[in-house]
Amino acid sequence: MASTIFWIFVVGIGLFIGALFNAMSVKKPGFYPPKRVLKRRAVLLAALGSISFLLGMLLSAFK
């Protein structure tokens, strides 16, 4: 169970890193995906990262 919780947190960190990359890509000029696509993707990745962290905390609390 501990390894599952660990991997849930690792996935959450990866999702947050992806969200930061997409959020920083909005500032770059000439980046291919339109800015609205990058913003939507960053919000989705951040939301999924938050859900992953909440699930990991919930599972670790009831372990």
PDB file of N, CA and C in Angstrom:
ATOM      1  N   MET A   1       0.817  -1.195   0.000  1.00  0.00           N
ATOM      2  CA  MET A   1       0.000   0.000   0.000  1.00  0.00           C
ATOM      3  C   MET A   1       0.863   1.262   0.000  1.00  0.00           C
ATOM      4  N   ALA A   2       1.997   1.191   0.699  1.00  0.00           N
ATOM      5  CA  ALA A   2       2.867   2.363   0.787  1.00  0.00           C
ATOM      6  C   ALA A   2       3.457   2.709  -0.580  1.00  0.00           C
ATOM      7  N   SER A   3       3.776   1.690  -1.365  1.00  0.00           N
ATOM      8  CA  SER A   3       4.342   1.986  -2.683  1.00  0.00           C
ATOM      9  C   SER A   3       3.289   2.590  -3.610  1.00  0.00           C
ATOM     10  N   THR A   4       2.042   2.180  -3.459  1.00  0.00           N
ATOM     11  CA  THR A   4       0.961   2.751  -4.266  1.00  0.00           C
ATOM     12  C   THR A   4       0.775   4.227  -3.939  1.00  0.00           C
ATOM     13  N   ILE A   5       0.795   4.549  -2.667  1.00  0.00           N
ATOM     14  CA  ILE A   5       0.653   5.948  -2.240  1.00  0.00           C
ATOM     15  C   ILE A   5       1.834   6.771  -2.746  1.00  0.00           C
ATOM     16  N   PHE A   6       3.028   6.195  -2.683  1.00  0.00           N
ATOM     17  CA  PHE A   6       4.213   6.881  -3.190  1.00  0.00           C
ATOM     18  C   PHE A   6       4.054   7.202  -4.671  1.00  0.00           C
ATOM     19  N   TRP A   7       3.611   6.238  -5.460  1.00  0.00           N
ATOM     20  CA  TRP A   7       3.470   6.457  -6.899  1.00  0.00           C
ATOM     21  C   TRP A   7       2.355   7.434  -7.224  1.00  0.00           C
ATOM     22  N   ILE A   8       1.331   7.491  -6.400  1.00  0.00           N
ATOM     23  CA  ILE A   8       0.280   8.498  -6.600  1.00  0.00           C
ATOM     24  C   ILE A   8       0.861   9.893  -6.404  1.00  0.00           C
ATOM     25  N   PHE A   9       1.717  10.060  -5.381  1.00  0.00           N
ATOM     26  CA  PHE A   9       2.367  11.352  -5.168  1.00  0.00           C
ATOM     27  C   PHE A   9       3.338  11.685  -6.303  1.00  0.00           C
ATOM     28  N   VAL A  10       4.052  10.689  -6.820  1.00  0.00           N
ATOM     29  CA  VAL A  10       4.981  10.923  -7.926  1.00  0.00           C
ATOM     30  C   VAL A  10       4.224  11.375  -9.174  1.00  0.00           C
ATOM     31  N   VAL A  11       3.087  10.748  -9.439  1.00  0.00           N
ATOM     32  CA  VAL A  11       2.261  11.156 -10.585  1.00  0.00           C
ATOM     33  C   VAL A  11       1.759  12.585 -10.390  1.00  0.00           C
ATOM     34  N   GLY A  12       1.373  12.930  -9.168  1.00  0.00           N
ATOM     35  CA  GLY A  12       0.929  14.292  -8.873  1.00  0.00           C
ATOM     36  C   GLY A  12       2.026  15.318  -9.118  1.00  0.00           C
ATOM     37  N   ILE A  13       3.249  14.991  -8.722  1.00  0.00           N
ATOM     38  CA  ILE A  13       4.370  15.896  -8.955  1.00  0.00           C
ATOM     39  C   ILE A  13       4.616  16.057 -10.454  1.00  0.00           C
ATOM     40  N   GLY A  14       4.544  14.950 -11.180  1.00  0.00           N
ATOM     41  CA  GLY A  14       4.720  15.013 -12.638  1.00  0.00           C
ATOM     42  C   GLY A  14       3.657  15.867 -13.303  1.00  0.00           C
ATOM     43  N   LEU A  15       2.426  15.749 -12.834  1.00  0.00           N
ATOM     44  CA  LEU A  15       1.347  16.561 -13.397  1.00  0.00           C
ATOM     45  C   LEU A  15       1.561  18.042 -13.108  1.00  0.00           C
ATOM     46  N   PHE A  16       2.037  18.367 -11.898  1.00  0.00           N
ATOM     47  CA  PHE A  16       2.313  19.767 -11.577  1.00  0.00           C
ATOM     48  C   PHE A  16       3.475  20.312 -12.408  1.00  0.00           C
ATOM     49  N   ILE A  17       4.486  19.497 -12.658  1.00  0.00           N
ATOM     50  CA  ILE A  17       5.600  19.936 -13.500  1.00  0.00           C
ATOM     51  C   ILE A  17       5.108  20.199 -14.917  1.00  0.00           C
ATOM     52  N   GLY A  18       4.240  19.330 -15.421  1.00  0.00           N
ATOM     53  CA  GLY A  18       3.653  19.551 -16.745  1.00  0.00           C
ATOM     54  C   GLY A  18       2.816  20.812 -16.795  1.00  0.00           C
ATOM     55  N   ALA A  19       2.080  21.078 -15.725  1.00  0.00           N
ATOM     56  CA  ALA A  19       1.280  22.300 -15.675  1.00  0.00           C
ATOM     57  C   ALA A  19       2.170  23.535 -15.674  1.00  0.00           C
ATOM     58  N   LEU A  20       3.274  23.491 -14.931  1.00  0.00           N
ATOM     59  CA  LEU A  20       4.197  24.629 -14.915  1.00  0.00           C
ATOM     60  C   LEU A  20       4.840  24.832 -16.281  1.00  0.00           C
ATOM     61  N   PHE A  21       5.221  23.744 -16.954  1.00  0.00           N
ATOM     62  CA  PHE A  21       5.810  23.859 -18.288  1.00  0.00           C
ATOM     63  C   PHE A  21       4.833  24.509 -19.265  1.00  0.00           C
ATOM     64  N   ASN A  22       3.573  24.085 -19.233  1.00  0.00           N
ATOM     65  CA  ASN A  22       2.580  24.664 -20.135  1.00  0.00           C
ATOM     66  C   ASN A  22       2.277  26.113 -19.771  1.00  0.00           C
ATOM     67  N   ALA A  23       2.256  26.428 -18.483  1.00  0.00           N
ATOM     68  CA  ALA A  23       2.002  27.806 -18.065  1.00  0.00           C
ATOM     69  C   ALA A  23       3.155  28.723 -18.472  1.00  0.00           C
ATOM     70  N   MET A  24       4.382  28.230 -18.392  1.00  0.00           N
ATOM     71  CA  MET A  24       5.522  29.050 -18.797  1.00  0.00           C
ATOM     72  C   MET A  24       5.617  29.157 -20.316  1.00  0.00           C
ATOM     73  N   SER A  25       5.105  28.177 -21.044  1.00  0.00           N
ATOM     74  CA  SER A  25       5.136  28.215 -22.503  1.00  0.00           C
ATOM     75  C   SER A  25       4.206  29.284 -23.065  1.00  0.00           C
ATOM     76  N   VAL A  26       3.223  29.701 -22.287  1.00  0.00           N
ATOM     77  CA  VAL A  26       2.305  30.757 -22.732  1.00  0.00           C
ATOM     78  C   VAL A  26       3.076  32.055 -22.940  1.00  0.00           C
ATOM     79  N   LYS A  27       4.103  32.288 -22.140  1.00  0.00           N
ATOM     80  CA  LYS A  27       4.879  33.541 -22.218  1.00  0.00           C
ATOM     81  C   LYS A  27       5.835  33.573 -23.405  1.00  0.00           C
ATOM     82  N   LYS A  28       6.170  32.400 -23.953  1.00  0.00           N
ATOM     83  CA  LYS A  28       7.145  32.353 -25.047  1.00  0.00           C
ATOM     84  C   LYS A  28       6.493  32.776 -26.355  1.00  0.00           C
ATOM     85  N   PRO A  29       7.154  33.606 -27.116  1.00  0.00           N
ATOM     86  CA  PRO A  29       6.591  33.978 -28.419  1.00  0.00           C
ATOM     87  C   PRO A  29       6.849  32.873 -29.450  1.00  0.00           C
ATOM     88  N   GLY A  30       5.923  32.683 -30.328  1.00  0.00           N
ATOM     89  CA  GLY A  30       6.091  31.749 -31.419  1.00  0.00           C
ATOM     90  C   GLY A  30       5.963  30.287 -31.045  1.00  0.00           C
ATOM     91  N   PHE A  31       5.401  29.983 -29.910  1.00  0.00           N
ATOM     92  CA  PHE A  31       5.186  28.599 -29.513  1.00  0.00           C
ATOM     93  C   PHE A  31       3.981  28.077 -30.284  1.00  0.00           C
ATOM     94  N   TYR A  32       4.064  26.832 -30.808  1.00  0.00           N
ATOM     95  CA  TYR A  32       3.048  26.385 -31.751  1.00  0.00           C
ATOM     96  C   TYR A  32       1.629  26.314 -31.210  1.00  0.00           C
ATOM     97  N   PRO A  33       1.342  25.537 -30.152  1.00  0.00           N
ATOM     98  CA  PRO A  33      -0.079  25.486 -29.778  1.00  0.00           C
ATOM     99  C   PRO A  33      -0.573  26.880 -29.389  1.00  0.00           C
ATOM    100  N   PRO A  34      -1.769  27.204 -29.756  1.00  0.00           N
ATOM    101  CA  PRO A  34      -2.308  28.515 -29.365  1.00  0.00           C
ATOM    102  C   PRO A  34      -2.320  28.678 -27.844  1.00  0.00           C
ATOM    103  N   LYS A  35      -2.282  29.912 -27.413  1.00  0.00           N
ATOM    104  CA  LYS A  35      -2.205  30.195 -25.985  1.00  0.00           C
ATOM    105  C   LYS A  35      -3.411  29.655 -25.218  1.00  0.00           C
ATOM    106  N   ARG A  36      -4.573  29.677 -25.839  1.00  0.00           N
ATOM    107  CA  ARG A  36      -5.752  29.155 -25.132  1.00  0.00           C
ATOM    108  C   ARG A  36      -5.651  27.657 -24.912  1.00  0.00           C
ATOM    109  N   VAL A  37      -5.027  26.937 -25.839  1.00  0.00           N
ATOM    110  CA  VAL A  37      -4.832  25.497 -25.685  1.00  0.00           C
ATOM    111  C   VAL A  37      -3.841  25.235 -24.552  1.00  0.00           C
ATOM    112  N   LEU A  38      -2.773  26.029 -24.502  1.00  0.00           N
ATOM    113  CA  LEU A  38      -1.783  25.862 -23.436  1.00  0.00           C
ATOM    114  C   LEU A  38      -2.375  26.174 -22.071  1.00  0.00           C
ATOM    115  N   LYS A  39      -3.190  27.231 -21.990  1.00  0.00           N
ATOM    116  CA  LYS A  39      -3.819  27.587 -20.716  1.00  0.00           C
ATOM    117  C   LYS A  39      -4.775  26.492 -20.250  1.00  0.00           C
ATOM    118  N   ARG A  40      -5.576  25.969 -21.189  1.00  0.00           N
ATOM    119  CA  ARG A  40      -6.532  24.910 -20.849  1.00  0.00           C
ATOM    120  C   ARG A  40      -5.799  23.650 -20.395  1.00  0.00           C
ATOM    121  N   ARG A  41      -4.692  23.327 -21.081  1.00  0.00           N
ATOM    122  CA  ARG A  41      -3.908  22.149 -20.728  1.00  0.00           C
ATOM    123  C   ARG A  41      -3.265  22.325 -19.353  1.00  0.00           C
ATOM    124  N   ALA A  42      -2.766  23.535 -19.064  1.00  0.00           N
ATOM    125  CA  ALA A  42      -2.144  23.791 -17.761  1.00  0.00           C
ATOM    126  C   ALA A  42      -3.163  23.669 -16.636  1.00  0.00           C
ATOM    127  N   VAL A  43      -4.358  24.183 -16.855  1.00  0.00           N
ATOM    128  CA  VAL A  43      -5.401  24.087 -15.832  1.00  0.00           C
ATOM    129  C   VAL A  43      -5.801  22.629 -15.607  1.00  0.00           C
ATOM    130  N   LEU A  44      -5.932  21.875 -16.681  1.00  0.00           N
ATOM    131  CA  LEU A  44      -6.300  20.466 -16.560  1.00  0.00           C
ATOM    132  C   LEU A  44      -5.223  19.683 -15.815  1.00  0.00           C
ATOM    133  N   LEU A  45      -3.961  19.897 -16.164  1.00  0.00           N
ATOM    134  CA  LEU A  45      -2.885  19.190 -15.479  1.00  0.00           C
ATOM    135  C   LEU A  45      -2.801  19.575 -14.005  1.00  0.00           C
ATOM    136  N   ALA A  46      -3.005  20.832 -13.690  1.00  0.00           N
ATOM    137  CA  ALA A  46      -2.980  21.269 -12.289  1.00  0.00           C
ATOM    138  C   ALA A  46      -4.149  20.665 -11.508  1.00  0.00           C
ATOM    139  N   ALA A  47      -5.311  20.597 -12.133  1.00  0.00           N
ATOM    140  CA  ALA A  47      -6.469  19.995 -11.466  1.00  0.00           C
ATOM    141  C   ALA A  47      -6.237  18.506 -11.216  1.00  0.00           C
ATOM    142  N   LEU A  48      -5.694  17.808 -12.207  1.00  0.00           N
ATOM    143  CA  LEU A  48      -5.411  16.382 -12.031  1.00  0.00           C
ATOM    144  C   LEU A  48      -4.318  16.164 -10.987  1.00  0.00           C
ATOM    145  N   GLY A  49      -3.338  17.051 -10.940  1.00  0.00           N
ATOM    146  CA  GLY A  49      -2.305  16.964  -9.910  1.00  0.00           C
ATOM    147  C   GLY A  49      -2.871  17.176  -8.522  1.00  0.00           C
ATOM    148  N   SER A  50      -3.795  18.112  -8.393  1.00  0.00           N
ATOM    149  CA  SER A  50      -4.435  18.359  -7.097  1.00  0.00           C
ATOM    150  C   SER A  50      -5.254  17.153  -6.660  1.00  0.00           C
ATOM    151  N   ILE A  51      -5.990  16.574  -7.585  1.00  0.00           N
ATOM    152  CA  ILE A  51      -6.777  15.385  -7.272  1.00  0.00           C
ATOM    153  C   ILE A  51      -5.868  14.238  -6.857  1.00  0.00           C
ATOM    154  N   SER A  52      -4.737  14.101  -7.545  1.00  0.00           N
ATOM    155  CA  SER A  52      -3.783  13.050  -7.210  1.00  0.00           C
ATOM    156  C   SER A  52      -3.220  13.258  -5.805  1.00  0.00           C
ATOM    157  N   PHE A  53      -2.857  14.478  -5.471  1.00  0.00           N
ATOM    158  CA  PHE A  53      -2.349  14.746  -4.135  1.00  0.00           C
ATOM    159  C   PHE A  53      -3.415  14.517  -3.073  1.00  0.00           C
ATOM    160  N   LEU A  54      -4.638  14.939  -3.337  1.00  0.00           N
ATOM    161  CA  LEU A  54      -5.711  14.710  -2.368  1.00  0.00           C
ATOM    162  C   LEU A  54      -5.972  13.220  -2.169  1.00  0.00           C
ATOM    163  N   LEU A  55      -5.953  12.464  -3.252  1.00  0.00           N
ATOM    164  CA  LEU A  55      -6.134  11.014  -3.150  1.00  0.00           C
ATOM    165  C   LEU A  55      -4.991  10.389  -2.366  1.00  0.00           C
ATOM    166  N   GLY A  56      -3.771  10.822  -2.629  1.00  0.00           N
ATOM    167  CA  GLY A  56      -2.630  10.298  -1.871  1.00  0.00           C
ATOM    168  C   GLY A  56      -2.717  10.624  -0.389  1.00  0.00           C
ATOM    169  N   MET A  57      -3.130  11.847  -0.057  1.00  0.00           N
ATOM    170  CA  MET A  57      -3.277  12.212   1.354  1.00  0.00           C
ATOM    171  C   MET A  57      -4.401  11.435   2.010  1.00  0.00           C
ATOM    172  N   LEU A  58      -5.486  11.234   1.285  1.00  0.00           N
ATOM    173  CA  LEU A  58      -6.609  10.478   1.823  1.00  0.00           C
ATOM    174  C   LEU A  58      -6.205   9.033   2.082  1.00  0.00           C
ATOM    175  N   LEU A  59      -5.505   8.423   1.142  1.00  0.00           N
ATOM    176  CA  LEU A  59      -5.073   7.042   1.320  1.00  0.00           C
ATOM    177  C   LEU A  59      -4.041   6.918   2.429  1.00  0.00           C
ATOM    178  N   SER A  60      -3.153   7.902   2.562  1.00  0.00           N
ATOM    179  CA  SER A  60      -2.144   7.818   3.618  1.00  0.00           C
ATOM    180  C   SER A  60      -2.765   8.063   4.999  1.00  0.00           C
ATOM    181  N   ALA A  61      -3.855   8.817   5.058  1.00  0.00           N
ATOM    182  CA  ALA A  61      -4.521   9.059   6.336  1.00  0.00           C
ATOM    183  C   ALA A  61      -5.235   7.812   6.836  1.00  0.00           C
ATOM    184  N   PHE A  62      -5.778   7.013   5.910  1.00  0.00           N
ATOM    185  CA  PHE A  62      -6.527   5.827   6.307  1.00  0.00           C
ATOM    186  C   PHE A  62      -5.728   4.534   6.126  1.00  0.00           C
ATOM    187  N   LYS A  63      -4.426   4.646   6.048  1.00  0.00           N
ATOM    188  CA  LYS A  63      -3.560   3.491   5.840  1.00  0.00           C
ATOM    189  C   LYS A  63      -3.510   2.587   7.027  1.00  0.00           C
TER     190      LYS A  63
END
